[in-house]
Protein backbone atom coordinates (compact mmCIF):
# COMPACT_ATOMS: atom_id res chain seq x y z
CA UNK A 1 29.16 -188.15 24.66
CA UNK A 2 29.35 -191.72 23.65
CA UNK A 3 32.68 -192.07 26.05
CA UNK A 4 31.48 -190.48 28.39
CA UNK A 5 28.28 -192.49 29.10
CA UNK A 6 29.79 -195.94 28.66
CA UNK A 7 32.14 -195.04 31.69
CA UNK A 8 29.62 -194.54 33.65
CA UNK A 9 27.85 -197.65 32.50
CA UNK A 10 31.13 -199.31 33.30
CA UNK A 11 31.24 -197.43 35.97
CA UNK A 12 28.26 -198.58 37.71
CA UNK A 13 28.48 -202.32 36.77
CA UNK A 14 32.00 -201.90 39.02
CA UNK A 15 33.90 -203.11 35.32
CA UNK A 16 37.69 -201.84 35.15
CA UNK A 17 38.39 -201.16 31.28
CA UNK A 18 40.21 -204.36 31.18
CA UNK A 19 37.35 -205.89 31.86
CA UNK A 20 35.36 -204.70 29.51
CA UNK A 21 38.93 -205.47 26.82
CA UNK A 22 38.53 -209.10 28.13
CA UNK A 23 35.24 -209.98 27.57
CA UNK A 24 35.27 -208.43 24.48
CA UNK A 25 38.94 -209.67 23.94
CA UNK A 26 40.67 -206.77 22.60
CA UNK A 27 43.34 -205.65 24.91
CA UNK A 28 42.54 -202.99 27.26
CA UNK A 29 44.58 -200.39 25.46
CA UNK A 30 42.76 -200.75 22.71
CA UNK A 31 39.13 -200.50 24.27
CA UNK A 32 40.34 -197.33 26.33
CA UNK A 33 41.11 -195.32 22.82
CA UNK A 34 37.52 -196.89 21.40
CA UNK A 35 35.98 -195.47 24.77
CA UNK A 36 37.04 -192.27 24.72
CA UNK A 37 35.77 -191.92 20.93
CA UNK A 38 39.20 -192.32 19.73
CA UNK A 39 38.65 -195.16 17.70
CA UNK A 40 35.41 -196.48 16.58
CA UNK A 41 34.07 -200.26 18.07
CA UNK A 42 33.00 -201.88 15.37
CA UNK A 43 29.37 -204.24 14.69
CA UNK A 44 30.85 -207.44 16.88
CA UNK A 45 32.19 -205.01 19.71
CA UNK A 46 28.84 -203.66 19.65
CA UNK A 47 26.59 -206.09 20.26
CA UNK A 48 28.24 -207.48 22.63
CA UNK A 49 28.96 -203.97 24.24
CA UNK A 50 24.76 -204.35 24.08
CA UNK A 51 25.28 -207.63 26.55
CA UNK A 52 27.69 -206.50 29.17
CA UNK A 53 25.50 -203.48 29.36
CA UNK A 54 22.41 -205.52 29.31
CA UNK A 55 21.23 -202.38 27.16
CA UNK A 56 17.85 -202.10 25.50
CA UNK A 57 17.47 -202.15 21.45
CA UNK A 58 16.23 -198.27 21.84
CA UNK A 59 18.75 -197.08 24.53
CA UNK A 60 21.31 -198.71 22.37
CA UNK A 61 19.87 -196.44 19.48
CA UNK A 62 20.01 -193.19 21.46
CA UNK A 63 23.33 -194.24 22.27
CA UNK A 64 25.13 -194.66 19.12
CA UNK A 65 23.77 -193.22 16.71
CA UNK A 66 22.52 -190.45 17.71
């Protein structure tokens, strides 16, 4: 579910996986694995994703902690 939501947000913002990976300071293949739910995001990456996609606190909790 998280992977689908992140992909929708990314496409809505017209960003590629490479764009988001660059903003997070990680390799594209690392981001791809995280977006697909294979590997978890760390706390710093989650904070940056919140900024990149302008996610509010309630939405953030619903996305990442439900």
